Protein backbone atom coordinates (compact mmCIF):
# COMPACT_ATOMS: atom_id res chain seq x y z
CA MET A 1 0.00 0.00 0.00
CA SER A 2 1.18 3.54 -0.61
CA SER A 3 2.42 5.87 2.06
CA LYS A 4 0.08 8.27 3.79
CA ALA A 5 2.17 11.25 2.83
CA GLY A 6 1.06 14.77 3.61
CA GLN A 7 -0.31 16.75 0.70
CA GLY A 8 -1.22 20.39 0.36
CA GLN A 9 -1.57 23.10 -2.20
CA SER A 10 2.16 23.02 -2.85
CA GLY A 11 2.27 19.40 -3.97
CA MET A 12 2.73 15.91 -2.59
CA THR A 13 5.73 14.28 -1.06
CA GLY A 14 6.11 10.61 -0.26
CA GLY A 15 9.76 10.06 0.62
CA ASN A 16 11.07 6.95 -1.11
CA HIS A 17 7.61 5.51 -1.58
CA PRO A 18 5.86 5.85 -4.92
CA GLN A 19 2.74 7.95 -4.80
CA ARG A 20 -0.38 5.91 -5.52
CA VAL A 21 -2.65 7.66 -7.99
CA ILE A 22 -6.06 6.09 -8.57
CA LEU A 23 -8.48 6.84 -11.36
CA ALA A 24 -11.88 5.66 -10.13
CA GLY A 25 -14.21 5.15 -13.06
CA GLY A 26 -13.60 4.59 -16.76
CA GLY A 27 -15.48 7.75 -17.71
CA HIS A 28 -14.83 10.06 -20.64
CA ALA A 29 -12.66 12.46 -18.59
CA HIS A 30 -10.22 9.71 -17.65
CA LEU A 31 -9.48 8.87 -21.29
CA ALA A 32 -7.45 12.08 -21.53
CA VAL A 33 -5.63 11.24 -18.28
CA LEU A 34 -4.63 7.80 -19.55
CA ALA A 35 -3.48 9.33 -22.84
CA ASP A 36 -1.39 11.88 -20.92
CA TRP A 37 0.25 9.18 -18.84
CA ALA A 38 1.01 7.14 -21.97
CA ALA A 39 2.59 10.14 -23.70
CA HIS A 40 4.57 11.49 -20.75
CA VAL A 41 6.08 9.43 -17.97
CA LEU A 42 4.66 10.14 -14.51
CA PRO A 43 7.72 9.35 -12.36
CA GLY A 44 7.55 8.22 -8.75
CA THR A 45 3.97 6.95 -8.98
CA GLU A 46 1.97 3.76 -8.86
CA ARG A 47 -1.03 4.15 -11.14
CA ILE A 48 -4.34 2.27 -10.92
CA LEU A 49 -7.52 2.44 -12.98
CA VAL A 50 -10.62 1.10 -11.22
CA THR A 51 -13.63 0.60 -13.46
CA ARG A 52 -16.71 -1.62 -13.43
CA GLU A 53 -16.38 -2.56 -17.09
CA ARG A 54 -13.40 -3.05 -19.36
CA HIS A 55 -15.12 -1.19 -22.21
CA LEU A 56 -16.39 2.38 -22.22
CA ALA A 57 -19.38 3.08 -24.46
CA TYR A 58 -18.99 6.49 -26.07
CA SER A 59 -22.20 8.34 -25.26
CA GLY A 60 -22.18 10.37 -28.49
CA MET A 61 -22.81 7.24 -30.54
CA LEU A 62 -25.20 5.43 -28.20
CA PRO A 63 -28.44 6.63 -29.87
CA GLY A 64 -26.99 5.70 -33.27
CA TRP A 65 -26.24 2.19 -32.01
CA MET A 66 -29.70 1.98 -30.48
CA ALA A 67 -31.24 2.92 -33.83
CA GLY A 68 -29.21 0.22 -35.59
CA ARG A 69 -26.80 2.57 -37.36
CA TYR A 70 -23.66 1.42 -35.52
CA ARG A 71 -22.44 -1.96 -34.34
CA ALA A 72 -21.61 -2.18 -30.63
CA GLU A 73 -17.91 -2.54 -31.31
CA GLU A 74 -17.89 0.78 -33.17
CA LEU A 75 -18.69 2.78 -30.02
CA LEU A 76 -16.83 0.72 -27.42
CA ILE A 77 -13.40 1.84 -26.25
CA ASP A 78 -11.25 -0.91 -24.73
CA LEU A 79 -9.69 0.51 -21.57
CA ALA A 80 -7.23 -2.37 -21.08
CA PRO A 81 -4.70 -1.32 -23.76
CA LEU A 82 -5.06 2.32 -22.70
CA ALA A 83 -4.26 1.40 -19.10
CA GLU A 84 -1.33 -0.75 -20.21
CA ALA A 85 0.12 2.08 -22.33
CA ALA A 86 -0.29 4.42 -19.35
CA GLY A 87 1.52 2.00 -17.04
CA ALA A 88 -1.62 1.66 -14.92
CA ARG A 89 -2.92 -1.48 -13.27
CA LEU A 90 -6.48 -2.22 -14.36
CA VAL A 91 -8.87 -3.27 -11.59
CA LEU A 92 -12.30 -4.40 -12.82
CA ASP A 93 -14.49 -3.59 -9.84
CA ASP A 94 -17.15 -1.17 -8.71
CA VAL A 95 -16.63 1.67 -6.23
CA VAL A 96 -19.01 1.34 -3.26
CA GLY A 97 -17.44 3.61 -0.67
CA LEU A 98 -14.89 6.32 0.06
CA ASP A 99 -13.30 7.55 3.27
CA ALA A 100 -11.79 10.83 2.18
CA ALA A 101 -10.02 11.56 5.48
CA ALA A 102 -8.38 8.13 5.65
CA ARG A 103 -7.80 8.09 1.89
CA HIS A 104 -9.40 4.71 1.37
CA LEU A 105 -11.47 3.66 -1.64
CA ARG A 106 -13.77 0.69 -0.97
CA LEU A 107 -14.67 -1.70 -3.78
CA ALA A 108 -17.59 -4.09 -4.28
CA SER A 109 -15.22 -7.06 -3.96
CA GLY A 110 -14.42 -6.00 -0.40
CA GLU A 111 -10.98 -4.68 -1.28
CA ALA A 112 -9.94 -1.30 0.11
CA LEU A 113 -7.36 0.69 -1.82
CA SER A 114 -5.37 3.44 -0.15
CA PHE A 115 -4.36 6.41 -2.28
CA ASP A 116 -2.26 9.52 -2.26
CA LEU A 117 -4.16 11.13 -5.11
CA LEU A 118 -7.62 10.16 -6.35
CA SER A 119 -9.61 11.20 -9.39
CA LEU A 120 -13.30 10.36 -9.56
CA ALA A 121 -15.12 9.98 -12.87
CA THR A 122 -17.54 7.18 -12.04
CA GLY A 123 -20.51 8.96 -13.59
CA GLY A 124 -23.92 9.56 -12.09
CA THR A 125 -26.94 7.42 -11.39
CA ILE A 126 -30.57 7.35 -12.53
CA ALA A 127 -33.21 7.47 -9.79
CA THR A 128 -35.65 4.63 -10.47
CA GLU A 129 -37.40 4.24 -7.10
CA GLY A 130 -40.69 5.57 -8.45
CA PHE A 131 -40.69 3.03 -11.28
CA ALA A 132 -40.11 -0.20 -9.37
CA ALA A 133 -43.66 -1.42 -10.09
CA LEU A 134 -42.66 -1.94 -13.73
CA GLY A 135 -40.31 -4.76 -12.81
CA ALA A 136 -38.48 -6.18 -15.84
CA ARG A 137 -40.08 -3.56 -18.11
CA LEU A 138 -37.86 -0.87 -16.54
CA LEU A 139 -34.63 0.05 -18.34
CA PRO A 140 -32.61 2.98 -16.92
CA VAL A 141 -30.16 4.56 -19.34
CA ARG A 142 -27.41 4.11 -16.76
CA PRO A 143 -25.26 2.11 -16.26
CA VAL A 144 -24.74 2.23 -20.01
CA GLU A 145 -23.44 -1.33 -20.35
CA ARG A 146 -26.60 -2.69 -18.69
CA PHE A 147 -28.75 -0.43 -20.83
CA MET A 148 -27.13 -1.78 -23.98
CA ALA A 149 -27.63 -5.38 -22.91
CA GLY A 150 -31.25 -4.68 -21.97
CA TRP A 151 -32.06 -2.86 -25.21
CA GLN A 152 -30.48 -5.59 -27.31
CA ALA A 153 -32.53 -8.26 -25.51
CA PHE A 154 -35.71 -6.20 -25.90
CA CYS A 155 -35.22 -5.69 -29.64
CA ALA A 156 -34.72 -9.43 -30.14
CA ALA A 157 -38.51 -9.79 -29.75
CA GLY A 158 -39.02 -7.69 -32.88
CA PRO A 159 -40.61 -4.32 -33.72
CA GLY A 160 -44.07 -3.02 -32.91
CA GLN A 161 -43.74 -2.87 -29.13
CA VAL A 162 -44.71 0.09 -26.95
CA VAL A 163 -41.79 2.05 -25.53
CA ALA A 164 -42.04 4.99 -23.15
CA VAL A 165 -39.06 7.30 -22.69
CA VAL A 166 -39.28 9.26 -19.45
CA GLY A 167 -37.25 12.47 -19.64
CA GLY A 168 -37.45 15.31 -22.14
CA GLY A 169 -33.86 16.48 -22.25
CA ALA A 170 -31.70 16.15 -25.33
CA ALA A 171 -30.79 12.59 -24.34
CA GLY A 172 -34.43 11.59 -23.93
CA VAL A 173 -35.31 13.06 -27.33
CA GLU A 174 -32.49 11.14 -29.02
CA LEU A 175 -33.45 7.89 -27.30
CA ALA A 176 -37.10 8.28 -28.29
CA LEU A 177 -36.16 8.92 -31.91
CA ALA A 178 -33.80 5.94 -31.92
CA ALA A 179 -36.48 3.65 -30.49
CA ALA A 180 -38.95 4.83 -33.16
CA ARG A 181 -36.35 4.10 -35.83
CA ARG A 182 -36.42 0.45 -34.73
CA GLY A 183 -40.14 0.28 -35.49
CA HIS A 184 -41.57 0.64 -31.99
CA HIS A 185 -44.54 2.75 -30.86
CA VAL A 186 -42.85 5.43 -28.77
CA HIS A 187 -44.11 7.86 -26.15
CA LEU A 188 -41.93 10.66 -24.74
CA ILE A 189 -43.00 11.79 -21.28
CA ALA A 190 -41.78 15.05 -19.75
CA PRO A 191 -43.39 18.07 -18.10
CA ALA A 192 -43.66 21.09 -20.39
CA ALA A 193 -40.82 22.87 -18.61
CA GLY A 194 -38.70 19.73 -18.88
CA PHE A 195 -38.76 19.48 -22.66
CA MET A 196 -35.32 20.42 -24.04
CA PRO A 197 -34.49 22.64 -21.04
CA GLY A 198 -31.71 25.14 -21.62
CA HIS A 199 -32.36 25.32 -25.35
CA GLY A 200 -34.16 28.02 -27.30
CA GLY A 201 -37.58 27.94 -28.89
CA TRP A 202 -36.24 27.11 -32.35
CA ALA A 203 -34.38 24.08 -30.99
CA ARG A 204 -37.55 22.84 -29.30
CA ARG A 205 -39.53 23.31 -32.52
CA LEU A 206 -36.98 21.31 -34.51
CA ALA A 207 -37.04 18.57 -31.90
CA ARG A 208 -40.84 18.44 -31.91
CA THR A 209 -40.85 18.29 -35.72
CA ALA A 210 -38.41 15.37 -35.68
CA LEU A 211 -40.46 13.55 -33.05
CA ALA A 212 -43.68 14.08 -35.00
CA ARG A 213 -42.04 12.88 -38.20
CA ALA A 214 -40.95 9.71 -36.38
CA GLY A 215 -44.44 9.13 -34.97
CA VAL A 216 -43.42 9.74 -31.35
CA THR A 217 -46.27 10.86 -29.08
CA ILE A 218 -45.27 13.60 -26.62
CA HIS A 219 -46.96 13.79 -23.22
CA ALA A 220 -46.43 17.03 -21.26
CA SER A 221 -46.73 15.28 -17.93
CA MET A 222 -45.03 13.66 -15.00
CA ALA A 223 -45.34 9.90 -14.69
CA ARG A 224 -45.52 7.32 -11.94
CA ALA A 225 -45.45 3.58 -12.31
CA VAL A 226 -48.13 1.02 -11.49
CA SER A 227 -48.28 -2.62 -12.45
CA ASP A 228 -50.34 -1.76 -15.55
CA GLY A 229 -47.88 0.85 -16.87
CA LEU A 230 -47.31 4.55 -16.32
CA VAL A 231 -49.90 6.89 -14.85
CA LEU A 232 -49.87 10.42 -16.31
CA ASP A 233 -50.99 13.63 -14.61
CA ASP A 234 -54.50 13.42 -16.05
CA GLY A 235 -54.97 9.89 -14.72
CA THR A 236 -54.38 8.17 -18.05
CA ILE A 237 -52.67 4.80 -17.71
CA LEU A 238 -50.19 4.18 -20.50
CA PRO A 239 -49.63 0.42 -21.02
CA LEU A 240 -46.13 -0.36 -22.23
CA ASP A 241 -43.62 -3.06 -22.96
CA LEU A 242 -40.57 -1.04 -21.91
CA ALA A 243 -39.88 2.19 -20.04
CA ILE A 244 -36.53 3.88 -20.65
CA VAL A 245 -35.76 6.27 -17.80
CA ALA A 246 -33.52 9.18 -18.81
CA THR A 247 -34.50 11.74 -16.20
CA GLY A 248 -31.08 13.21 -15.55
CA SER A 249 -28.10 12.23 -13.48
CA GLY A 250 -28.00 11.83 -9.72
CA PRO A 251 -24.98 11.31 -7.44
CA PRO A 252 -23.85 7.83 -6.38
CA GLY A 253 -25.15 7.01 -2.92
CA TRP A 254 -21.76 6.34 -1.39
CA LEU A 255 -20.74 9.99 -1.75
CA ALA A 256 -23.03 10.90 1.16
CA ASP A 257 -20.75 9.08 3.63
CA SER A 258 -17.45 10.04 2.04
CA GLY A 259 -16.72 13.04 4.25
CA LEU A 260 -16.36 15.26 1.18
CA ALA A 261 -18.07 18.62 0.69
CA LEU A 262 -21.15 18.11 -1.46
CA ASP A 263 -23.61 20.46 -3.14
CA PRO A 264 -27.28 20.49 -2.02
CA SER A 265 -28.07 17.70 -4.50
CA GLY A 266 -25.31 15.46 -3.19
CA PHE A 267 -22.72 15.87 -5.95
CA LEU A 268 -19.03 16.24 -5.12
CA LEU A 269 -18.21 19.93 -4.92
CA THR A 270 -15.12 21.09 -6.82
CA GLY A 271 -13.48 24.34 -7.71
CA ALA A 272 -12.65 25.52 -11.22
CA ASP A 273 -9.48 23.40 -10.98
CA LEU A 274 -11.63 20.22 -10.61
CA ARG A 275 -10.23 19.68 -7.11
CA SER A 276 -12.51 18.89 -4.18
CA THR A 277 -13.22 22.02 -2.16
CA SER A 278 -12.68 20.05 1.06
CA GLN A 279 -9.98 17.47 0.24
CA PRO A 280 -7.01 18.55 -1.90
CA ALA A 281 -6.01 14.93 -2.59
CA ILE A 282 -9.22 14.31 -4.54
CA PHE A 283 -10.26 15.54 -7.99
CA ALA A 284 -13.44 14.85 -9.92
CA ALA A 285 -15.00 15.44 -13.33
CA GLY A 286 -18.13 14.47 -15.19
CA ASP A 287 -21.55 13.66 -13.74
CA ILE A 288 -20.28 12.89 -10.25
CA ALA A 289 -19.14 16.49 -9.71
CA ALA A 290 -20.63 19.95 -9.33
CA ARG A 291 -18.76 23.23 -9.60
CA ALA A 292 -18.80 25.59 -6.62
CA ASP A 293 -18.30 28.64 -8.84
CA LEU A 294 -20.83 28.03 -11.65
CA VAL A 295 -23.65 25.79 -12.78
CA LEU A 296 -22.75 23.38 -15.57
CA PRO A 297 -25.36 21.29 -17.39
CA ARG A 298 -24.74 17.57 -17.06
CA ALA A 299 -23.58 16.84 -20.56
CA GLY A 300 -20.95 14.42 -21.79
CA VAL A 301 -19.16 17.20 -23.65
CA HIS A 302 -18.02 18.74 -20.36
CA ALA A 303 -16.45 15.48 -19.20
CA VAL A 304 -14.60 15.24 -22.51
CA LYS A 305 -13.47 18.88 -22.47
CA ALA A 306 -12.43 18.73 -18.80
CA GLY A 307 -10.26 15.67 -19.41
CA PRO A 308 -7.06 17.45 -20.53
CA VAL A 309 -7.35 19.94 -17.65
CA LEU A 310 -7.83 17.07 -15.21
CA ALA A 311 -4.76 15.31 -16.61
CA ALA A 312 -2.64 18.45 -16.25
CA ASN A 313 -3.87 19.13 -12.72
CA LEU A 314 -3.22 15.60 -11.46
CA ARG A 315 0.33 16.00 -12.70
CA SER A 316 0.60 19.45 -11.11
CA ALA A 317 -0.75 18.16 -7.78
CA LEU A 318 2.15 15.73 -7.68
CA THR A 319 4.82 18.26 -8.62
CA GLY A 320 3.49 21.27 -6.74
CA THR A 321 3.06 23.43 -9.83
CA PRO A 322 0.03 25.72 -10.28
CA LEU A 323 -3.27 24.15 -11.27
CA ARG A 324 -5.30 25.13 -14.32
CA ALA A 325 -8.96 26.08 -14.40
CA TYR A 326 -11.49 24.37 -16.63
CA GLN A 327 -13.38 27.24 -18.22
CA PRO A 328 -16.20 25.97 -20.43
CA GLY A 329 -17.26 28.14 -23.32
CA LYS A 330 -20.42 30.17 -22.97
CA ARG A 331 -21.89 28.08 -25.77
CA ARG A 332 -21.43 24.40 -26.55
CA LEU A 333 -22.20 22.57 -29.75
CA ALA A 334 -24.67 19.74 -29.35
CA LEU A 335 -25.52 17.40 -32.21
CA LEU A 336 -28.71 15.36 -31.85
CA ALA A 337 -29.24 12.42 -34.18
CA THR A 338 -32.88 12.14 -35.25
CA GLY A 339 -32.63 8.52 -36.41
CA ASP A 340 -33.77 9.25 -39.98
CA GLY A 341 -30.46 10.39 -41.43
CA ARG A 342 -30.79 13.94 -40.15
CA THR A 343 -29.09 15.69 -37.25
CA ILE A 344 -30.08 18.75 -35.24
CA ALA A 345 -27.24 21.12 -34.35
CA LEU A 346 -27.65 23.28 -31.24
CA TRP A 347 -25.37 26.22 -30.50
CA GLY A 348 -26.66 28.47 -27.75
CA GLN A 349 -29.98 29.80 -29.01
CA PHE A 350 -29.10 28.87 -32.60
CA ALA A 351 -30.39 25.62 -34.09
CA ALA A 352 -30.30 23.98 -37.52
CA ALA A 353 -31.13 20.57 -38.96
CA GLY A 354 -30.09 18.62 -42.03
CA ARG A 355 -28.60 15.45 -43.45
CA TRP A 356 -25.22 17.10 -43.98
CA LEU A 357 -24.97 17.60 -40.22
CA SER A 358 -25.21 13.83 -39.80
CA ARG A 359 -22.01 13.47 -41.80
CA VAL A 360 -20.36 16.07 -39.57
CA LYS A 361 -21.51 14.28 -36.43
CA ASP A 362 -20.38 10.90 -37.73
CA ARG A 363 -16.93 12.26 -38.56
CA ILE A 364 -16.58 13.85 -35.09
CA ASP A 365 -17.77 10.72 -33.30
CA ARG A 366 -15.59 8.31 -35.27
CA GLY A 367 -12.63 10.63 -34.79
CA PHE A 368 -13.10 10.54 -31.03
CA ILE A 369 -13.21 6.73 -31.01
CA ALA A 370 -10.13 6.51 -33.25
CA ARG A 371 -8.19 8.80 -30.89
CA TYR A 372 -8.41 6.18 -28.14
CA THR A 373 -8.33 2.95 -30.11
CA ARG A 374 -5.22 3.41 -32.20
CA ARG A 375 -2.45 1.10 -31.14
CA THR A 376 0.75 2.79 -30.00
């Protein structure tokens, strides 16, 4: 086990012992960290990657896979060769607990790993307590690997089934369109204020047009589950064969007992430098984290963009050099696949749609995959 060396704003020291640096979670942000370690030696460290699954499914291509446009292997990134190139030991396990003060990470297998520096990118969770009555008909969009297995098994029964997508954000819209593309009868359920939140009126109109073209029925409503299906605000019971829950990300439960500073919703609170506001030995990025200085929408693009900053700051934390700030742009480009060969581009309040945008999206997505699957 690594030493329990003192660590402050000026860096970390561990005498003759290598500093143990753990990446917890195989999320999008940690891809950049692994690439950094592979490109530049990180001397005096023992490096570990802990992740539940060996393969990371790239979220940008998930709706395309769901619609049948991509094969599974086209959006999966194998973390094993990346860890090997980075000189990191790969531990296939799930994080179930963290003692920040003692610097111990607890795993589902019962193993406890001590650390000198920890980076968390385990992703968020989907709250499904209100949908338990659906039983096997419930399919949360996270964890992604379980979602993919569940969707593949569901589609094996053939088209023509009734699918409800709960959640009207960009992800919910894409999932509904993808399900319709596979020949299912699709319902999208979200309160009026929860349909494409954060986007302008033109973006919402384009999304509604795409949903109408695909035959998706939109319900401006909340939903609760009963054994017969989903109950809407007006009392209507919607029978279904499958309910995909994409209601937004929540924090993993084990954060509550970690001893870390959390925001009111239970996410790990960080500064602009992605470092915990209460424990300088811990960094975080992606859906597990919340910024203390600004509100960021929970979108995969921020995990991707924060990755290089996270990589630089983990290195700086070890050497005592100044940390960088992750400053997201005021606008972010979002590309929503509509499942029919078109794509909707969203840029602040601007929105456009067309088939040519699908070629742009495909090139960007395949380029991202290629960046982390090329052999070195």
